[in-house]
Amino acid sequence: MIEKLKNIREQNNLTASEVAEKVGITKGYYSMIENGKRGLSYPIAVKIADVFGKKPDEIFFDHEFTNEKLIDKEVV
C-alpha cells in the first residue's frame, strides 16, 4: 500500500500537502499514512480515494482480496 499510495499521488501531480488539504487532515498525518507509520479510518480512506477518483479498495487493499475473490473462495 505504501508505494501504491505515493505512486498514485505522484501520477496525479499532487504534493502530500495538497492531498492532506483536500482530505482535511494535516500534512504530517497524511505523510505518516503514506509511509505506513499510521493507520487510517475508513472515512479518511474514502476521502483520500475521492481525491484520486478511485475507490478505497483500489488503493488500500490487495487486488487478490477483493470481494469477488472472497466470494469465489467461500463457494469452493
C-alpha atoms as a PDB file:
ATOM      1  CA  MET A   1       0.000   0.000   0.000  1.00  0.00           C
ATOM      2  CA  ILE A   2       2.771   2.420   0.901  1.00  0.00           C
ATOM      3  CA  GLU A   3       4.317   2.648  -2.551  1.00  0.00           C
ATOM      4  CA  LYS A   4       0.938   2.431  -4.252  1.00  0.00           C
ATOM      5  CA  LEU A   5      -0.463   5.498  -2.484  1.00  0.00           C
ATOM      6  CA  LYS A   6       2.672   7.538  -3.155  1.00  0.00           C
ATOM      7  CA  ASN A   7       2.739   6.466  -6.822  1.00  0.00           C
ATOM      8  CA  ILE A   8      -0.916   7.422  -7.302  1.00  0.00           C
ATOM      9  CA  ARG A   9      -0.294  10.820  -5.691  1.00  0.00           C
ATOM     10  CA  GLU A  10       2.741  11.459  -7.894  1.00  0.00           C
ATOM     11  CA  GLN A  11       0.877  10.317 -11.041  1.00  0.00           C
ATOM     12  CA  ASN A  12      -1.749  12.949 -10.209  1.00  0.00           C
ATOM     13  CA  ASN A  13       0.950  15.623  -9.810  1.00  0.00           C
ATOM     14  CA  LEU A  14      -0.056  16.378  -6.230  1.00  0.00           C
ATOM     15  CA  THR A  15       2.091  17.033  -3.199  1.00  0.00           C
ATOM     16  CA  ALA A  16       1.409  15.410   0.159  1.00  0.00           C
ATOM     17  CA  SER A  17       0.351  18.854   1.414  1.00  0.00           C
ATOM     18  CA  GLU A  18      -2.191  19.239  -1.387  1.00  0.00           C
ATOM     19  CA  VAL A  19      -3.747  15.831  -0.730  1.00  0.00           C
ATOM     20  CA  ALA A  20      -3.849  16.490   3.019  1.00  0.00           C
ATOM     21  CA  GLU A  21      -5.588  19.813   2.454  1.00  0.00           C
ATOM     22  CA  LYS A  22      -8.192  18.259   0.145  1.00  0.00           C
ATOM     23  CA  VAL A  23      -8.852  15.486   2.674  1.00  0.00           C
ATOM     24  CA  GLY A  24      -8.947  17.818   5.663  1.00  0.00           C
ATOM     25  CA  ILE A  25      -6.040  16.346   7.613  1.00  0.00           C
ATOM     26  CA  THR A  26      -2.569  17.634   8.441  1.00  0.00           C
ATOM     27  CA  LYS A  27       0.344  17.064   6.094  1.00  0.00           C
ATOM     28  CA  GLY A  28       2.097  15.206   8.908  1.00  0.00           C
ATOM     29  CA  TYR A  29      -0.790  12.772   9.338  1.00  0.00           C
ATOM     30  CA  TYR A  30      -1.033  12.190   5.579  1.00  0.00           C
ATOM     31  CA  SER A  31       2.715  11.618   5.328  1.00  0.00           C
ATOM     32  CA  MET A  32       2.554   9.053   8.138  1.00  0.00           C
ATOM     33  CA  ILE A  33      -0.265   7.238   6.299  1.00  0.00           C
ATOM     34  CA  GLU A  34       1.702   7.269   3.060  1.00  0.00           C
ATOM     35  CA  ASN A  35       4.819   5.970   4.840  1.00  0.00           C
ATOM     36  CA  GLY A  36       2.945   3.238   6.698  1.00  0.00           C
ATOM     37  CA  LYS A  37       3.543   4.746  10.127  1.00  0.00           C
ATOM     38  CA  ARG A  38      -0.119   5.463  10.909  1.00  0.00           C
ATOM     39  CA  GLY A  39      -3.290   3.621  10.189  1.00  0.00           C
ATOM     40  CA  LEU A  40      -6.374   5.355   8.913  1.00  0.00           C
ATOM     41  CA  SER A  41     -10.096   5.163   9.414  1.00  0.00           C
ATOM     42  CA  TYR A  42     -12.440   4.102   6.649  1.00  0.00           C
ATOM     43  CA  PRO A  43     -13.867   7.648   6.287  1.00  0.00           C
ATOM     44  CA  ILE A  44     -10.348   9.026   5.745  1.00  0.00           C
ATOM     45  CA  ALA A  45      -9.600   6.234   3.250  1.00  0.00           C
ATOM     46  CA  VAL A  46     -12.741   7.222   1.329  1.00  0.00           C
ATOM     47  CA  LYS A  47     -11.712  10.896   1.289  1.00  0.00           C
ATOM     48  CA  ILE A  48      -8.207  10.064   0.071  1.00  0.00           C
ATOM     49  CA  ALA A  49      -9.602   7.781  -2.637  1.00  0.00           C
ATOM     50  CA  ASP A  50     -12.043  10.527  -3.720  1.00  0.00           C
ATOM     51  CA  VAL A  51      -9.123  12.906  -4.296  1.00  0.00           C
ATOM     52  CA  PHE A  52      -7.809  10.456  -6.897  1.00  0.00           C
ATOM     53  CA  GLY A  53     -11.198   9.436  -8.317  1.00  0.00           C
ATOM     54  CA  LYS A  54     -10.819   5.890  -7.044  1.00  0.00           C
ATOM     55  CA  LYS A  55     -12.491   3.519  -4.587  1.00  0.00           C
ATOM     56  CA  PRO A  56     -10.649   2.862  -1.301  1.00  0.00           C
ATOM     57  CA  ASP A  57     -10.219  -0.811  -2.217  1.00  0.00           C
ATOM     58  CA  GLU A  58      -8.255   0.169  -5.323  1.00  0.00           C
ATOM     59  CA  ILE A  59      -5.672   1.957  -3.196  1.00  0.00           C
ATOM     60  CA  PHE A  60      -5.606   0.338   0.209  1.00  0.00           C
ATOM     61  CA  PHE A  61      -6.291  -3.357  -0.421  1.00  0.00           C
ATOM     62  CA  ASP A  62      -4.506  -6.026  -2.401  1.00  0.00           C
ATOM     63  CA  HIS A  63      -6.452  -7.000  -5.504  1.00  0.00           C
ATOM     64  CA  GLU A  64      -6.310 -10.666  -4.510  1.00  0.00           C
ATOM     65  CA  PHE A  65      -8.563  -9.858  -1.555  1.00  0.00           C
ATOM     66  CA  THR A  66     -11.420  -8.244  -3.447  1.00  0.00           C
ATOM     67  CA  ASN A  67     -14.992  -9.247  -2.642  1.00  0.00           C
ATOM     68  CA  GLU A  68     -15.293 -11.238  -5.863  1.00  0.00           C
ATOM     69  CA  LYS A  69     -12.377 -13.494  -4.983  1.00  0.00           C
ATOM     70  CA  LEU A  70     -13.510 -13.874  -1.391  1.00  0.00           C
ATOM     71  CA  ILE A  71     -16.925 -14.991  -2.648  1.00  0.00           C
ATOM     72  CA  ASP A  72     -15.246 -17.453  -5.025  1.00  0.00           C
ATOM     73  CA  LYS A  73     -13.215 -18.896  -2.145  1.00  0.00           C
ATOM     74  CA  GLU A  74     -16.287 -19.253   0.059  1.00  0.00           C
ATOM     75  CA  VAL A  75     -18.246 -21.059  -2.636  1.00  0.00           C
ATOM     76  CA  VAL A  76     -15.465 -23.566  -3.398  1.00  0.00           C
END
